[in-house]
């Protein structure tokens, strides 16, 4: 989707938008004419009896943990690449863009009564474009899960070496993935993982504490004092954006989480009812609170670690710590818990995309058994690729620029623009155009900088 691919996606989707609403949704009309009529209806649906959904606090915990994964380890490198002011500016920009595009996904679910990228893209941009969008969703989530496995291998291997356990890094990866990540990936819903998400979130907060302690005690400073920090680095600025996109890239789980928060939203045009409007703003609250917490954590860790190690900051900042640092041991142990939780959350989105792409077209029923089989295959794939890739900053940079940028910042605005005119607002449409353009420009720039540096 970045560069020529992004232009192709935009052309495919907007060419559908130029037709009338019947032409735009003719595939769905053939299969489900009553559902199409409901989606395009201007009448409010009857309000069903209230159904209790996932509590706001549990939803905030789940989404915050979904966002805060291995990205917290790479944020200091992003800050180092862009400079302190450039990094903070881009962090705030990606934060605001993420709040907006996640809100667009909630609005699409409220209007169309569907809870997946594939469903929203099929109803707005056509089946063919929806298939490509779902492929990119699958690649985004698999790429993030690969980065998680790399970190798990690094952390568990380092801990094993410290305590004299003779085991290879690949064996450490396989043990953690097989014993923890894979069973969690077979969970039936996001809410099912809420307690694991709470543990993971606590682990990430401990990481922020470690970063602050080692800055304030000055144990890593040279004799001359704290390192000098750059305000803005134009030459390596492009490294920052893909890492930030991957760090905030929880968009693919937003429709599914909204379904759990607001079960009544399964009714098309649910957003036109009073209950639907209340559910929409409840989900916006979940998104805003979660991303604000993530932004504060990312900003704190990025600034403090960069201020501690300066230009020597690595792609995984834990590698900057001395092996005999006791806080490093605690950091790696707790972050292992956090990453296992985030792996499961992202794998659930990946397995849903795989089912939409490979099982539903063949007429297979989506059951708990089929989900477990798909999760097993995808988990094994991530484990195999992680054993070869090994460099988390490179994986996050390529995944962020090529896959996550289009999925997070290009596809949702285009889907909104493909809605019938009576279902859109002019101000939101303008912001959607700007969001899609920004995603294409920054994604292409990030890809070029990453490719140039890696080759």
Protein backbone atom coordinates (compact mmCIF):
# COMPACT_ATOMS: atom_id res chain seq x y z
CA UNK A 1 0.00 0.00 0.00
CA UNK A 2 2.96 2.32 0.37
CA UNK A 3 3.96 4.23 -2.77
CA UNK A 4 2.65 2.55 -5.96
CA UNK A 5 0.70 -0.04 -3.97
CA UNK A 6 -1.00 2.66 -1.93
CA UNK A 7 -1.90 4.58 -5.04
CA UNK A 8 -3.39 1.40 -6.53
CA UNK A 9 -5.50 0.80 -3.41
CA UNK A 10 -6.74 4.38 -3.41
CA UNK A 11 -7.59 4.22 -7.09
CA UNK A 12 -9.48 0.96 -6.69
CA UNK A 13 -11.48 2.21 -3.73
CA UNK A 14 -12.24 5.73 -5.00
CA UNK A 15 -13.24 4.47 -8.43
CA UNK A 16 -15.92 2.47 -6.62
CA UNK A 17 -16.89 5.63 -4.72
CA UNK A 18 -17.51 7.53 -7.97
CA UNK A 19 -20.39 5.17 -8.81
CA UNK A 20 -23.84 5.45 -7.20
CA UNK A 21 -24.54 3.60 -3.98
CA UNK A 22 -26.16 0.67 -5.77
CA UNK A 23 -23.12 0.09 -7.95
CA UNK A 24 -20.76 0.51 -5.02
CA UNK A 25 -22.41 -2.23 -3.00
CA UNK A 26 -23.79 -4.47 -5.72
CA UNK A 27 -21.83 -7.52 -4.56
CA UNK A 28 -23.36 -7.30 -1.13
CA UNK A 29 -26.80 -6.48 -2.54
CA UNK A 30 -26.81 -9.72 -4.49
CA UNK A 31 -25.96 -11.76 -1.41
CA UNK A 32 -27.98 -9.88 1.20
CA UNK A 33 -30.45 -7.31 -0.18
CA UNK A 34 -32.19 -6.83 3.17
CA UNK A 35 -28.89 -6.11 4.91
CA UNK A 36 -27.97 -3.58 2.22
CA UNK A 37 -31.28 -1.80 2.60
CA UNK A 38 -30.72 -1.56 6.35
CA UNK A 39 -27.19 -0.17 5.91
CA UNK A 40 -28.37 2.61 3.57
CA UNK A 41 -31.60 3.34 5.40
CA UNK A 42 -32.01 6.77 6.95
CA UNK A 43 -34.49 5.43 9.46
CA UNK A 44 -33.43 4.50 12.96
CA UNK A 45 -33.70 0.78 13.73
CA UNK A 46 -35.84 -0.39 16.59
CA UNK A 47 -33.93 -0.27 19.84
CA UNK A 48 -33.36 -3.82 21.14
CA UNK A 49 -33.31 -4.64 24.81
CA UNK A 50 -30.17 -3.55 26.56
CA UNK A 51 -27.35 -6.08 26.54
CA UNK A 52 -24.45 -5.80 28.95
CA UNK A 53 -21.13 -5.46 27.17
CA UNK A 54 -17.49 -5.41 28.20
CA UNK A 55 -17.02 -2.78 30.96
CA UNK A 56 -15.18 0.40 29.98
CA UNK A 57 -12.39 -0.23 32.47
CA UNK A 58 -11.76 -3.72 31.09
CA UNK A 59 -11.89 -2.39 27.52
CA UNK A 60 -9.37 0.36 28.34
CA UNK A 61 -7.03 -2.20 29.93
CA UNK A 62 -7.30 -4.54 26.93
CA UNK A 63 -6.74 -1.84 24.31
CA UNK A 64 -3.90 -0.17 26.24
CA UNK A 65 -2.08 -3.49 26.53
CA UNK A 66 -2.80 -4.14 22.83
CA UNK A 67 -1.00 -0.88 22.01
CA UNK A 68 1.83 -1.17 24.54
CA UNK A 69 3.87 -4.13 23.32
CA UNK A 70 7.44 -4.37 22.13
CA UNK A 71 7.04 -0.84 20.73
CA UNK A 72 7.97 0.57 24.14
CA UNK A 73 11.42 -1.01 23.73
CA UNK A 74 11.97 0.58 20.31
CA UNK A 75 10.58 4.06 21.08
CA UNK A 76 13.90 5.41 22.46
CA UNK A 77 15.57 4.46 19.16
CA UNK A 78 12.80 6.30 17.29
CA UNK A 79 13.41 9.35 19.49
CA UNK A 80 17.13 9.07 18.84
CA UNK A 81 16.52 8.85 15.08
CA UNK A 82 14.31 11.94 14.88
CA UNK A 83 15.81 14.07 17.65
CA UNK A 84 14.06 15.08 20.86
CA UNK A 85 11.78 17.71 19.32
CA UNK A 86 11.24 15.88 16.04
CA UNK A 87 10.41 12.67 17.89
CA UNK A 88 7.94 14.34 20.26
CA UNK A 89 6.23 16.18 17.41
CA UNK A 90 5.84 12.99 15.42
CA UNK A 91 4.68 11.08 18.51
CA UNK A 92 1.85 13.59 19.08
CA UNK A 93 0.98 13.56 15.37
CA UNK A 94 0.69 9.76 15.24
CA UNK A 95 -1.29 9.78 18.51
CA UNK A 96 -3.87 12.24 17.11
CA UNK A 97 -4.01 10.42 13.78
CA UNK A 98 -4.58 7.12 15.60
CA UNK A 99 -7.43 8.52 17.70
CA UNK A 100 -9.08 9.83 14.53
CA UNK A 101 -8.70 6.71 12.40
CA UNK A 102 -9.77 4.37 15.21
CA UNK A 103 -12.86 6.54 15.67
CA UNK A 104 -13.57 6.19 11.95
CA UNK A 105 -13.54 2.41 12.36
CA UNK A 106 -16.10 2.69 15.17
CA UNK A 107 -18.28 4.94 13.00
CA UNK A 108 -18.11 2.40 10.16
CA UNK A 109 -19.20 -0.38 12.52
CA UNK A 110 -22.07 1.77 13.80
CA UNK A 111 -23.23 2.50 10.25
CA UNK A 112 -22.72 -0.87 8.59
CA UNK A 113 -23.25 -3.31 11.46
CA UNK A 114 -20.02 -5.17 10.66
CA UNK A 115 -17.04 -5.75 12.93
CA UNK A 116 -14.04 -6.46 10.74
CA UNK A 117 -11.87 -4.69 8.20
CA UNK A 118 -13.02 -7.16 5.61
CA UNK A 119 -16.70 -6.54 6.25
CA UNK A 120 -16.35 -2.74 6.22
CA UNK A 121 -14.17 -2.76 3.09
CA UNK A 122 -16.52 -5.15 1.26
CA UNK A 123 -19.56 -2.98 1.97
CA UNK A 124 -17.82 0.26 0.98
CA UNK A 125 -15.11 -0.45 -1.59
CA UNK A 126 -16.11 -3.82 -3.07
CA UNK A 127 -15.08 -7.43 -2.59
CA UNK A 128 -11.82 -7.27 -4.56
CA UNK A 129 -10.48 -4.27 -2.64
CA UNK A 130 -11.64 -5.90 0.61
CA UNK A 131 -9.53 -8.97 -0.13
CA UNK A 132 -6.41 -6.83 -0.59
CA UNK A 133 -7.18 -4.87 2.57
CA UNK A 134 -7.54 -8.09 4.55
CA UNK A 135 -4.22 -9.39 3.19
CA UNK A 136 -2.55 -6.23 4.47
CA UNK A 137 -4.28 -6.63 7.84
CA UNK A 138 -2.96 -10.19 8.08
CA UNK A 139 0.57 -9.12 7.16
CA UNK A 140 0.49 -6.25 9.68
CA UNK A 141 -0.50 -8.47 12.56
CA UNK A 142 1.88 -11.27 11.62
CA UNK A 143 4.72 -8.73 11.34
CA UNK A 144 4.00 -7.38 14.81
CA UNK A 145 3.80 -10.90 16.25
CA UNK A 146 7.18 -11.71 14.67
CA UNK A 147 8.71 -8.72 16.46
CA UNK A 148 7.22 -9.95 19.75
CA UNK A 149 8.76 -13.40 19.29
CA UNK A 150 12.17 -11.82 18.60
CA UNK A 151 12.01 -9.89 21.86
CA UNK A 152 10.84 -12.96 23.78
CA UNK A 153 13.81 -14.90 22.44
CA UNK A 154 16.28 -12.15 23.35
CA UNK A 155 14.93 -11.71 26.87
CA UNK A 156 14.52 -15.39 27.77
CA UNK A 157 17.94 -16.29 26.34
CA UNK A 158 19.63 -13.54 28.34
CA UNK A 159 17.91 -14.68 31.52
CA UNK A 160 18.88 -18.29 30.85
CA UNK A 161 22.53 -17.32 30.31
CA UNK A 162 22.59 -15.31 33.52
CA UNK A 163 21.40 -18.25 35.59
CA UNK A 164 23.55 -20.85 33.84
CA UNK A 165 20.84 -22.63 31.85
CA UNK A 166 22.34 -24.06 28.65
CA UNK A 167 19.74 -23.47 25.97
CA UNK A 168 19.75 -21.78 22.56
CA UNK A 169 17.81 -18.62 21.74
CA UNK A 170 15.64 -20.54 19.26
CA UNK A 171 14.74 -23.06 21.97
CA UNK A 172 13.82 -20.21 24.32
CA UNK A 173 11.54 -18.75 21.65
CA UNK A 174 9.87 -22.11 21.02
CA UNK A 175 9.32 -22.77 24.73
CA UNK A 176 7.64 -19.43 25.47
CA UNK A 177 5.59 -19.39 22.30
CA UNK A 178 4.46 -22.99 22.69
CA UNK A 179 3.69 -22.86 26.40
CA UNK A 180 2.23 -19.35 26.78
CA UNK A 181 1.63 -17.42 23.54
CA UNK A 182 -0.04 -20.19 21.56
CA UNK A 183 -2.63 -21.21 24.22
CA UNK A 184 -3.54 -17.54 24.79
CA UNK A 185 -3.92 -17.05 21.02
CA UNK A 186 -6.72 -19.63 21.00
CA UNK A 187 -8.83 -17.53 23.40
CA UNK A 188 -12.46 -17.03 22.28
CA UNK A 189 -12.55 -13.23 22.71
CA UNK A 190 -10.54 -10.14 23.63
CA UNK A 191 -12.41 -9.83 26.92
CA UNK A 192 -11.29 -13.35 27.83
CA UNK A 193 -7.72 -11.99 28.05
CA UNK A 194 -8.55 -9.04 30.32
CA UNK A 195 -6.69 -10.43 33.37
CA UNK A 196 -3.61 -11.23 31.32
CA UNK A 197 -3.86 -7.71 29.88
CA UNK A 198 -3.83 -6.24 33.40
CA UNK A 199 -0.67 -8.17 34.22
CA UNK A 200 0.93 -7.05 30.97
CA UNK A 201 0.03 -3.42 31.57
CA UNK A 202 1.55 -3.54 35.05
CA UNK A 203 4.74 -4.95 33.50
CA UNK A 204 4.94 -2.08 31.00
CA UNK A 205 4.52 0.47 33.79
CA UNK A 206 7.40 -1.18 35.63
CA UNK A 207 9.47 -0.68 32.47
CA UNK A 208 8.80 3.07 32.66
CA UNK A 209 9.97 3.03 36.28
CA UNK A 210 13.23 1.29 35.38
CA UNK A 211 13.93 3.84 32.65
CA UNK A 212 13.47 6.71 35.11
CA UNK A 213 15.59 5.16 37.88
CA UNK A 214 18.60 4.63 35.64
CA UNK A 215 18.42 8.19 34.34
CA UNK A 216 18.18 9.81 37.76
CA UNK A 217 20.93 7.77 39.41
CA UNK A 218 23.30 8.58 36.50
CA UNK A 219 24.92 5.13 36.60
CA UNK A 220 25.27 5.05 32.79
CA UNK A 221 26.64 8.56 32.30
CA UNK A 222 30.23 9.21 31.27
CA UNK A 223 32.56 11.26 33.44
CA UNK A 224 31.50 14.35 31.49
CA UNK A 225 27.87 13.91 32.53
CA UNK A 226 24.66 13.24 30.55
CA UNK A 227 25.03 12.81 26.77
CA UNK A 228 24.16 15.63 24.41
CA UNK A 229 20.79 15.34 22.68
CA UNK A 230 19.90 16.40 19.14
CA UNK A 231 16.81 18.53 18.66
CA UNK A 232 16.03 17.39 15.11
CA UNK A 233 17.72 14.88 12.78
CA UNK A 234 16.61 15.24 9.18
CA UNK A 235 18.82 12.45 7.82
CA UNK A 236 17.36 9.68 9.99
CA UNK A 237 13.94 11.24 10.70
CA UNK A 238 12.26 8.63 8.49
CA UNK A 239 13.14 5.82 10.92
CA UNK A 240 10.80 7.31 13.53
CA UNK A 241 7.44 7.18 11.75
CA UNK A 242 7.29 3.42 10.93
CA UNK A 243 8.23 2.53 14.51
CA UNK A 244 5.54 4.83 15.90
CA UNK A 245 2.93 3.42 13.53
CA UNK A 246 3.77 -0.10 14.67
CA UNK A 247 3.69 1.08 18.28
CA UNK A 248 0.14 2.47 17.91
CA UNK A 249 -1.01 -0.21 15.47
CA UNK A 250 -3.95 -1.76 17.31
CA UNK A 251 -6.50 -0.63 14.71
CA UNK A 252 -7.35 -4.10 13.48
CA UNK A 253 -8.88 -5.06 16.84
CA UNK A 254 -11.03 -1.92 17.17
CA UNK A 255 -14.16 -3.28 15.40
CA UNK A 256 -14.02 -6.52 17.37
CA UNK A 257 -13.49 -4.71 20.67
CA UNK A 258 -16.39 -2.38 19.87
CA UNK A 259 -18.63 -5.40 19.35
CA UNK A 260 -17.73 -6.60 22.84
CA UNK A 261 -18.23 -3.14 24.38
CA UNK A 262 -21.56 -2.54 22.56
CA UNK A 263 -23.27 -5.84 21.66
CA UNK A 264 -26.31 -3.94 20.34
CA UNK A 265 -24.21 -2.48 17.51
CA UNK A 266 -24.80 -5.61 15.45
CA UNK A 267 -27.89 -3.80 14.13
CA UNK A 268 -27.12 -1.70 11.00
CA UNK A 269 -27.54 2.05 11.60
CA UNK A 270 -27.27 1.40 15.33
CA UNK A 271 -25.57 4.78 15.54
CA UNK A 272 -28.86 6.52 14.75
CA UNK A 273 -30.46 5.37 18.00
CA UNK A 274 -29.91 7.06 21.34
CA UNK A 275 -28.36 3.87 22.70
CA UNK A 276 -26.12 3.66 19.63
CA UNK A 277 -24.90 7.23 20.11
CA UNK A 278 -24.12 6.49 23.74
CA UNK A 279 -22.22 3.34 22.75
CA UNK A 280 -20.24 5.29 20.13
CA UNK A 281 -19.05 7.87 22.65
CA UNK A 282 -18.31 5.15 25.18
CA UNK A 283 -15.98 3.51 22.67
CA UNK A 284 -14.42 6.87 21.79
CA UNK A 285 -13.71 7.29 25.50
CA UNK A 286 -12.03 3.88 25.57
CA UNK A 287 -9.88 4.78 22.55
CA UNK A 288 -8.92 8.24 23.84
CA UNK A 289 -8.01 7.07 27.35
CA UNK A 290 -6.04 4.06 26.07
CA UNK A 291 -4.06 5.99 23.47
CA UNK A 292 -3.39 8.85 25.90
CA UNK A 293 -1.91 6.41 28.41
CA UNK A 294 0.16 4.81 25.64
CA UNK A 295 1.35 8.20 24.37
CA UNK A 296 2.46 9.28 27.85
CA UNK A 297 4.31 6.00 28.43
CA UNK A 298 5.98 6.15 25.02
CA UNK A 299 6.97 9.78 25.47
CA UNK A 300 8.40 9.21 28.95
CA UNK A 301 10.38 6.10 28.02
CA UNK A 302 11.57 7.60 24.74
CA UNK A 303 12.85 10.83 26.30
CA UNK A 304 14.37 9.33 29.45
CA UNK A 305 16.19 6.45 27.74
CA UNK A 306 17.46 8.72 24.95
CA UNK A 307 18.63 11.19 27.60
CA UNK A 308 20.46 8.33 29.35
CA UNK A 309 22.29 6.77 26.40
CA UNK A 310 22.24 9.50 23.75
CA UNK A 311 23.35 8.54 20.25
CA UNK A 312 24.25 5.03 21.49
CA UNK A 313 20.57 4.14 22.04
CA UNK A 314 19.81 0.77 20.41
CA UNK A 315 16.72 -0.60 18.66
CA UNK A 316 15.90 -2.57 21.83
CA UNK A 317 16.93 -0.22 24.63
CA UNK A 318 17.36 -3.08 27.12
CA UNK A 319 20.53 -3.98 25.19
CA UNK A 320 22.06 -0.71 26.42
CA UNK A 321 22.00 -1.96 30.01
CA UNK A 322 24.95 -3.79 31.51
CA UNK A 323 24.43 -7.56 31.85
CA UNK A 324 25.02 -7.40 35.63
CA UNK A 325 22.36 -4.71 36.18
CA UNK A 326 19.76 -6.25 38.52
CA UNK A 327 17.03 -3.97 37.25
CA UNK A 328 17.64 -5.37 33.76
CA UNK A 329 16.77 -8.86 35.01
CA UNK A 330 13.48 -7.62 36.47
CA UNK A 331 12.78 -5.58 33.34
CA UNK A 332 13.18 -8.56 31.03
CA UNK A 333 11.12 -10.85 33.24
CA UNK A 334 8.18 -8.44 33.50
CA UNK A 335 8.28 -7.38 29.84
CA UNK A 336 8.13 -11.05 28.88
CA UNK A 337 4.70 -11.18 30.53
CA UNK A 338 3.59 -8.02 28.73
CA UNK A 339 4.73 -9.23 25.32
CA UNK A 340 3.08 -12.64 25.72
CA UNK A 341 -0.22 -10.86 26.37
CA UNK A 342 0.17 -8.48 23.42
CA UNK A 343 1.13 -11.37 21.13
CA UNK A 344 -2.18 -13.10 21.90
CA UNK A 345 -4.19 -9.92 21.28
CA UNK A 346 -2.62 -9.32 17.87
CA UNK A 347 -2.79 -13.00 16.93
CA UNK A 348 -6.56 -12.97 17.47
CA UNK A 349 -6.84 -10.26 14.81
CA UNK A 350 -4.50 -12.18 12.50
CA UNK A 351 -6.49 -15.41 12.82
CA UNK A 352 -9.74 -13.54 12.05
CA UNK A 353 -8.17 -12.13 8.87
CA UNK A 354 -6.90 -15.56 7.86
CA UNK A 355 -10.35 -17.09 8.38
CA UNK A 356 -11.93 -14.37 6.22
CA UNK A 357 -9.36 -14.93 3.46
CA UNK A 358 -8.98 -18.69 3.35
CA UNK A 359 -11.84 -20.44 5.16
CA UNK A 360 -15.04 -18.46 4.55
CA UNK A 361 -14.64 -18.35 0.71
CA UNK A 362 -14.47 -22.17 0.75
CA UNK A 363 -17.61 -22.47 2.85
CA UNK A 364 -15.93 -23.65 6.06
CA UNK A 365 -17.76 -22.81 9.29
CA UNK A 366 -15.74 -20.62 11.67
CA UNK A 367 -15.70 -22.58 14.93
CA UNK A 368 -13.45 -22.67 17.99
CA UNK A 369 -11.63 -25.63 16.44
CA UNK A 370 -10.97 -23.87 13.14
CA UNK A 371 -9.77 -20.75 14.98
CA UNK A 372 -7.36 -22.88 17.02
CA UNK A 373 -6.00 -24.53 13.86
CA UNK A 374 -5.46 -21.16 12.17
CA UNK A 375 -3.83 -19.74 15.33
CA UNK A 376 -1.51 -22.74 15.47
CA UNK A 377 -0.38 -22.30 11.87
CA UNK A 378 0.16 -18.54 12.19
CA UNK A 379 2.01 -18.91 15.50
CA UNK A 380 4.35 -21.47 13.94
CA UNK A 381 4.92 -19.11 11.00
CA UNK A 382 5.83 -16.22 13.31
CA UNK A 383 8.21 -18.45 15.26
CA UNK A 384 9.98 -19.60 12.09
CA UNK A 385 10.42 -16.10 10.67
CA UNK A 386 11.55 -14.65 14.02
CA UNK A 387 14.29 -17.27 14.28
CA UNK A 388 15.73 -15.92 11.02
CA UNK A 389 15.01 -12.16 11.25
CA UNK A 390 16.36 -11.43 14.78
CA UNK A 391 16.56 -7.58 14.47
CA UNK A 392 13.46 -5.99 16.02
CA UNK A 393 14.08 -2.44 14.80
CA UNK A 394 14.32 -3.59 11.15
CA UNK A 395 11.17 -5.73 11.47
CA UNK A 396 9.20 -2.88 13.06
CA UNK A 397 10.42 -0.36 10.48
CA UNK A 398 9.51 -2.43 7.42
CA UNK A 399 6.24 -3.65 8.92
CA UNK A 400 5.29 -0.13 9.95
CA UNK A 401 6.01 1.51 6.58
CA UNK A 402 4.77 -1.21 4.21
CA UNK A 403 1.85 -2.78 6.08
CA UNK A 404 0.80 -0.94 9.27
CA UNK A 405 0.70 2.57 7.73
CA UNK A 406 -1.89 1.67 5.06
CA UNK A 407 -3.94 -0.43 7.47
CA UNK A 408 -3.98 2.24 10.19
CA UNK A 409 -4.04 5.55 8.31
CA UNK A 410 -4.99 4.93 4.67
CA UNK A 411 -7.66 2.20 4.55
CA UNK A 412 -10.07 3.49 7.26
CA UNK A 413 -10.38 7.02 5.77
CA UNK A 414 -10.88 5.61 2.27
CA UNK A 415 -13.60 3.27 3.52
CA UNK A 416 -15.36 6.24 5.10
CA UNK A 417 -15.10 8.22 1.85
CA UNK A 418 -16.75 5.33 0.02
CA UNK A 419 -19.88 5.55 2.17
CA UNK A 420 -22.99 7.05 0.51
CA UNK A 421 -22.93 10.84 0.68
CA UNK A 422 -25.89 11.05 3.04
CA UNK A 423 -23.97 8.94 5.58
CA UNK A 424 -20.91 11.23 5.63
CA UNK A 425 -20.02 14.62 7.07
CA UNK A 426 -18.05 17.10 4.99
CA UNK A 427 -15.60 18.00 7.77
CA UNK A 428 -14.88 14.33 8.53
CA UNK A 429 -14.43 13.62 4.81
CA UNK A 430 -11.84 16.40 4.57
CA UNK A 431 -9.92 14.99 7.52
CA UNK A 432 -10.09 11.54 5.93
CA UNK A 433 -8.45 12.83 2.75
CA UNK A 434 -5.68 14.50 4.76
CA UNK A 435 -5.16 11.35 6.85
CA UNK A 436 -4.85 9.11 3.80
CA UNK A 437 -2.40 11.50 2.12
CA UNK A 438 -0.30 11.81 5.28
CA UNK A 439 -0.18 8.02 5.61
CA UNK A 440 0.99 7.59 2.02
CA UNK A 441 3.66 10.31 2.25
CA UNK A 442 5.11 9.29 5.60
CA UNK A 443 4.86 5.59 4.79
CA UNK A 444 6.79 6.00 1.55
CA UNK A 445 9.41 8.21 3.19
CA UNK A 446 9.85 5.75 6.08
CA UNK A 447 10.22 2.83 3.68
CA UNK A 448 12.87 4.62 1.60
CA UNK A 449 14.91 5.61 4.66
CA UNK A 450 14.70 2.09 6.15
CA UNK A 451 15.63 0.45 2.86
CA UNK A 452 18.57 2.78 2.30
CA UNK A 453 19.95 2.24 5.80
CA UNK A 454 19.51 -1.56 5.76
CA UNK A 455 21.23 -1.97 2.40
